[in-house]
């Protein structure tokens, strides 16, 4: 019976040591967490910089498109006014042929 108690105590002690070791190995150290957070922050900063650059390029493209639209509108207005002039010239009565002086 005493041997059974010693075996049980030994088994309990080994079990406690194993459980303690497993529970401690699952904990992350502060240094490990700080390193991972620094890596994530660096990645976030890089992505943010790329997003900012893309936003600036999009703003430049929008400005260029708006300028092109304004130029196209001006050209369209000029064409409309020239079309009216051409139509008026086409509807004017033909002029008699002139004879040269001489």
N, C-alpha and C. Protein backbone atom coordinates (compact mmCIF):
# COMPACT_ATOMS: atom_id res chain seq x y z
N UNK A 1 0.80 -1.18 0.00
CA UNK A 1 0.00 0.00 0.00
C UNK A 1 0.86 1.26 0.00
N UNK A 2 1.96 1.22 0.72
CA UNK A 2 2.85 2.37 0.78
C UNK A 2 3.45 2.62 -0.59
N UNK A 3 3.75 1.57 -1.31
CA UNK A 3 4.31 1.73 -2.65
C UNK A 3 3.28 2.37 -3.59
N UNK A 4 2.04 2.05 -3.39
CA UNK A 4 0.99 2.63 -4.21
C UNK A 4 0.90 4.12 -3.94
N UNK A 5 1.00 4.51 -2.67
CA UNK A 5 0.95 5.92 -2.31
C UNK A 5 2.14 6.66 -2.90
N UNK A 6 3.34 6.04 -2.83
CA UNK A 6 4.53 6.67 -3.40
C UNK A 6 4.37 6.84 -4.91
N UNK A 7 3.82 5.83 -5.57
CA UNK A 7 3.59 5.91 -7.02
C UNK A 7 2.58 6.99 -7.37
N UNK A 8 1.54 7.09 -6.51
CA UNK A 8 0.52 8.10 -6.75
C UNK A 8 1.09 9.50 -6.54
N UNK A 9 1.89 9.66 -5.49
CA UNK A 9 2.51 10.96 -5.21
C UNK A 9 3.47 11.32 -6.35
N UNK A 10 4.25 10.32 -6.79
CA UNK A 10 5.20 10.56 -7.88
C UNK A 10 4.45 10.95 -9.17
N UNK A 11 3.37 10.24 -9.45
CA UNK A 11 2.57 10.52 -10.64
C UNK A 11 1.94 11.90 -10.55
N UNK A 12 1.48 12.26 -9.37
CA UNK A 12 0.89 13.59 -9.17
C UNK A 12 1.95 14.67 -9.37
N UNK A 13 3.13 14.44 -8.84
CA UNK A 13 4.22 15.41 -8.98
C UNK A 13 4.63 15.57 -10.43
N UNK A 14 4.76 14.46 -11.16
CA UNK A 14 5.12 14.52 -12.57
C UNK A 14 4.01 15.23 -13.37
N UNK A 15 2.77 14.94 -13.06
CA UNK A 15 1.64 15.59 -13.72
C UNK A 15 1.66 17.09 -13.49
N UNK A 16 1.94 17.50 -12.25
CA UNK A 16 1.98 18.92 -11.93
C UNK A 16 3.12 19.62 -12.67
N UNK A 17 4.26 18.96 -12.74
CA UNK A 17 5.40 19.53 -13.45
C UNK A 17 5.08 19.68 -14.94
N UNK A 18 4.48 18.65 -15.53
CA UNK A 18 4.13 18.70 -16.96
C UNK A 18 3.11 19.79 -17.22
N UNK A 19 2.07 19.87 -16.40
CA UNK A 19 1.06 20.92 -16.58
C UNK A 19 1.66 22.31 -16.39
N UNK A 20 2.52 22.45 -15.41
CA UNK A 20 3.17 23.74 -15.20
C UNK A 20 4.04 24.12 -16.39
N UNK A 21 4.77 23.16 -16.93
CA UNK A 21 5.63 23.44 -18.08
C UNK A 21 4.81 23.82 -19.31
N UNK A 22 3.72 23.11 -19.52
CA UNK A 22 2.87 23.44 -20.67
C UNK A 22 2.22 24.81 -20.52
N UNK A 23 1.79 25.14 -19.33
CA UNK A 23 1.13 26.43 -19.15
C UNK A 23 2.13 27.58 -19.29
N UNK A 24 3.36 27.39 -18.88
CA UNK A 24 4.36 28.45 -19.00
C UNK A 24 4.85 28.59 -20.44
N UNK A 25 4.87 27.50 -21.18
CA UNK A 25 5.38 27.60 -22.54
C UNK A 25 4.39 28.29 -23.47
N UNK A 26 3.14 28.38 -23.08
CA UNK A 26 2.13 29.02 -23.91
C UNK A 26 2.12 30.53 -23.74
N UNK A 27 2.78 31.04 -22.76
CA UNK A 27 2.79 32.48 -22.50
C UNK A 27 3.85 33.15 -23.38
N UNK A 28 3.47 34.24 -23.96
CA UNK A 28 4.43 35.01 -24.76
C UNK A 28 5.12 36.02 -23.87
N UNK A 29 6.40 36.24 -24.14
CA UNK A 29 7.13 37.23 -23.35
C UNK A 29 6.80 38.62 -23.86
N UNK A 30 7.04 39.58 -23.02
CA UNK A 30 6.79 40.97 -23.39
C UNK A 30 7.66 41.38 -24.58
N UNK A 31 8.90 40.93 -24.58
CA UNK A 31 9.80 41.25 -25.68
C UNK A 31 9.28 40.68 -26.99
N UNK A 32 8.79 39.44 -26.97
CA UNK A 32 8.26 38.81 -28.17
C UNK A 32 7.05 39.60 -28.69
N UNK A 33 6.16 39.97 -27.81
CA UNK A 33 4.98 40.73 -28.21
C UNK A 33 5.38 42.09 -28.77
N UNK A 34 6.32 42.76 -28.10
CA UNK A 34 6.79 44.06 -28.59
C UNK A 34 7.40 43.95 -29.98
N UNK A 35 8.17 42.88 -30.23
CA UNK A 35 8.77 42.69 -31.56
C UNK A 35 7.69 42.50 -32.62
N UNK A 36 6.71 41.68 -32.31
CA UNK A 36 5.64 41.43 -33.29
C UNK A 36 4.82 42.69 -33.55
N UNK A 37 4.56 43.46 -32.50
CA UNK A 37 3.82 44.72 -32.67
C UNK A 37 4.62 45.69 -33.51
N UNK A 38 5.93 45.75 -33.29
CA UNK A 38 6.79 46.63 -34.10
C UNK A 38 6.76 46.21 -35.57
N UNK A 39 6.79 44.90 -35.83
CA UNK A 39 6.72 44.41 -37.22
C UNK A 39 5.39 44.80 -37.87
N UNK A 40 4.32 44.62 -37.12
CA UNK A 40 3.00 44.97 -37.65
C UNK A 40 2.91 46.47 -37.90
N UNK A 41 3.41 47.28 -36.97
CA UNK A 41 3.38 48.73 -37.14
C UNK A 41 4.19 49.16 -38.36
N UNK A 42 5.33 48.51 -38.59
CA UNK A 42 6.14 48.82 -39.77
C UNK A 42 5.38 48.48 -41.04
N UNK A 43 4.72 47.35 -41.04
CA UNK A 43 3.92 46.94 -42.21
C UNK A 43 2.76 47.92 -42.43
N UNK A 44 2.10 48.32 -41.36
CA UNK A 44 1.00 49.28 -41.47
C UNK A 44 1.50 50.60 -42.03
N UNK A 45 2.65 51.06 -41.57
CA UNK A 45 3.21 52.32 -42.07
C UNK A 45 3.52 52.23 -43.56
N UNK A 46 4.05 51.10 -44.00
CA UNK A 46 4.36 50.92 -45.42
C UNK A 46 3.08 50.92 -46.26
N UNK A 47 2.07 50.23 -45.79
CA UNK A 47 0.80 50.19 -46.51
C UNK A 47 0.17 51.58 -46.54
N UNK A 48 0.25 52.30 -45.43
CA UNK A 48 -0.30 53.65 -45.37
C UNK A 48 0.42 54.58 -46.35
N UNK A 49 1.73 54.44 -46.45
CA UNK A 49 2.50 55.27 -47.39
C UNK A 49 2.09 54.97 -48.83
N UNK A 50 1.89 53.69 -49.14
CA UNK A 50 1.46 53.32 -50.49
C UNK A 50 0.06 53.86 -50.77
N UNK A 51 -0.82 53.79 -49.79
CA UNK A 51 -2.18 54.30 -49.97
C UNK A 51 -2.17 55.81 -50.17
N UNK A 52 -1.33 56.51 -49.43
CA UNK A 52 -1.22 57.96 -49.58
C UNK A 52 -0.70 58.31 -50.98
N UNK A 53 0.30 57.59 -51.45
CA UNK A 53 0.84 57.83 -52.79
C UNK A 53 -0.22 57.57 -53.85
N UNK A 54 -0.97 56.50 -53.68
CA UNK A 54 -2.03 56.18 -54.65
C UNK A 54 -3.11 57.25 -54.63
N UNK A 55 -3.43 57.77 -53.47
CA UNK A 55 -4.43 58.83 -53.35
C UNK A 55 -3.96 60.10 -54.05
N UNK A 56 -2.68 60.43 -53.90
CA UNK A 56 -2.13 61.61 -54.57
C UNK A 56 -2.17 61.45 -56.08
N UNK A 57 -1.82 60.26 -56.57
CA UNK A 57 -1.88 60.01 -58.01
C UNK A 57 -3.30 60.10 -58.52
N UNK A 58 -4.25 59.62 -57.74
CA UNK A 58 -5.66 59.70 -58.14
C UNK A 58 -6.11 61.16 -58.21
N UNK A 59 -5.68 61.96 -57.24
CA UNK A 59 -6.02 63.39 -57.26
C UNK A 59 -5.42 64.08 -58.49
N UNK A 60 -4.18 63.74 -58.84
CA UNK A 60 -3.55 64.32 -60.03
C UNK A 60 -4.29 63.91 -61.30
N UNK A 61 -4.69 62.64 -61.35
CA UNK A 61 -5.43 62.15 -62.52
C UNK A 61 -6.78 62.85 -62.62
N UNK A 62 -7.44 63.08 -61.50
CA UNK A 62 -8.71 63.79 -61.51
C UNK A 62 -8.53 65.21 -62.01
N UNK A 63 -7.49 65.89 -61.55
CA UNK A 63 -7.23 67.26 -62.00
C UNK A 63 -6.96 67.30 -63.51
N UNK A 64 -6.17 66.36 -63.99
CA UNK A 64 -5.88 66.30 -65.43
C UNK A 64 -7.15 66.01 -66.23
N UNK A 65 -7.99 65.14 -65.71
CA UNK A 65 -9.24 64.81 -66.41
C UNK A 65 -10.18 66.01 -66.44
N UNK A 66 -10.23 66.75 -65.35
CA UNK A 66 -11.09 67.94 -65.31
C UNK A 66 -10.58 69.01 -66.28
N UNK A 67 -9.25 69.17 -66.36
CA UNK A 67 -8.68 70.13 -67.32
C UNK A 67 -8.97 69.70 -68.75
N UNK A 68 -8.86 68.42 -69.02
CA UNK A 68 -9.15 67.91 -70.37
C UNK A 68 -10.63 68.10 -70.70
N UNK A 69 -11.50 67.92 -69.73
CA UNK A 69 -12.94 68.12 -69.95
C UNK A 69 -13.23 69.58 -70.27
N UNK A 70 -12.58 70.50 -69.57
CA UNK A 70 -12.78 71.92 -69.83
C UNK A 70 -12.30 72.27 -71.23
N UNK A 71 -11.15 71.74 -71.64
CA UNK A 71 -10.64 72.00 -72.98
C UNK A 71 -11.58 71.42 -74.03
N UNK A 72 -12.09 70.24 -73.79
CA UNK A 72 -13.03 69.62 -74.73
C UNK A 72 -14.31 70.44 -74.83
N UNK A 73 -14.79 70.97 -73.72
CA UNK A 73 -15.99 71.81 -73.76
C UNK A 73 -15.75 73.08 -74.57
N UNK A 74 -14.59 73.69 -74.42
CA UNK A 74 -14.26 74.90 -75.19
C UNK A 74 -14.19 74.57 -76.68
N UNK A 75 -13.57 73.45 -77.00
CA UNK A 75 -13.48 73.05 -78.42
C UNK A 75 -14.87 72.77 -78.99
N UNK A 76 -15.72 72.17 -78.21
CA UNK A 76 -17.08 71.87 -78.66
C UNK A 76 -17.86 73.16 -78.91
N UNK A 77 -17.70 74.12 -78.02
CA UNK A 77 -18.38 75.41 -78.21
C UNK A 77 -17.86 76.11 -79.47
N UNK A 78 -16.58 76.04 -79.69
CA UNK A 78 -15.98 76.68 -80.88
C UNK A 78 -16.49 75.99 -82.15
N UNK A 79 -16.58 74.68 -82.12
CA UNK A 79 -17.09 73.93 -83.28
C UNK A 79 -18.55 74.30 -83.52
N UNK A 80 -19.34 74.42 -82.46
CA UNK A 80 -20.75 74.80 -82.61
C UNK A 80 -20.87 76.17 -83.27
N UNK A 81 -20.03 77.14 -82.85
CA UNK A 81 -20.11 78.48 -83.45
C UNK A 81 -19.65 78.45 -84.90
N UNK A 82 -18.62 77.66 -85.21
CA UNK A 82 -18.16 77.55 -86.60
C UNK A 82 -19.19 76.83 -87.47
N UNK A 83 -19.88 75.88 -86.91
CA UNK A 83 -20.92 75.17 -87.66
C UNK A 83 -22.02 76.13 -88.06
N UNK A 84 -22.41 77.01 -87.15
CA UNK A 84 -23.44 78.01 -87.47
C UNK A 84 -22.95 78.94 -88.58
N UNK A 85 -21.71 79.35 -88.53
CA UNK A 85 -21.15 80.22 -89.56
C UNK A 85 -21.13 79.52 -90.92
N UNK A 86 -20.70 78.28 -90.93
CA UNK A 86 -20.67 77.52 -92.19
C UNK A 86 -22.07 77.34 -92.74
N UNK A 87 -23.03 77.05 -91.89
CA UNK A 87 -24.42 76.90 -92.34
C UNK A 87 -24.94 78.20 -92.95
N UNK A 88 -24.61 79.32 -92.33
CA UNK A 88 -25.03 80.62 -92.88
C UNK A 88 -24.39 80.86 -94.24
N UNK A 89 -23.15 80.52 -94.41
CA UNK A 89 -22.48 80.72 -95.69
C UNK A 89 -23.07 79.81 -96.77
N UNK A 90 -23.43 78.61 -96.37
CA UNK A 90 -24.01 77.69 -97.35
C UNK A 90 -25.40 78.14 -97.78
N UNK A 91 -26.13 78.82 -96.92
CA UNK A 91 -27.48 79.26 -97.24
C UNK A 91 -27.50 80.62 -97.94
N UNK A 92 -26.39 81.31 -97.99
CA UNK A 92 -26.34 82.63 -98.64
C UNK A 92 -26.53 82.44 -100.15
N UNK A 93 -27.20 83.41 -100.78
CA UNK A 93 -27.38 83.30 -102.24
C UNK A 93 -26.04 83.41 -102.96
N UNK A 94 -25.90 82.67 -104.05
CA UNK A 94 -24.63 82.75 -104.77
C UNK A 94 -24.41 84.14 -105.35
N UNK A 95 -23.20 84.55 -105.38
CA UNK A 95 -22.86 85.87 -105.91
C UNK A 95 -22.59 85.76 -107.41
N UNK A 96 -22.97 86.77 -108.16
CA UNK A 96 -22.72 86.71 -109.61
C UNK A 96 -21.23 86.71 -109.90
N UNK A 97 -20.87 86.08 -110.98
CA UNK A 97 -19.46 86.00 -111.36
C UNK A 97 -18.96 87.37 -111.71
N UNK A 98 -17.80 87.71 -111.34
CA UNK A 98 -17.22 89.03 -111.62
C UNK A 98 -16.32 88.90 -112.86
N UNK A 99 -16.33 89.91 -113.58
CA UNK A 99 -15.44 89.95 -114.73
C UNK A 99 -14.22 90.79 -114.38
N UNK A 100 -13.11 90.38 -114.83
CA UNK A 100 -11.90 91.13 -114.48
C UNK A 100 -11.85 92.49 -115.19
N UNK A 101 -11.28 93.44 -114.56
CA UNK A 101 -11.10 94.77 -115.15
C UNK A 101 -9.92 94.73 -116.11
N UNK A 102 -10.05 95.41 -117.05
CA UNK A 102 -8.87 95.40 -117.82
C UNK A 102 -8.77 95.86 -119.15
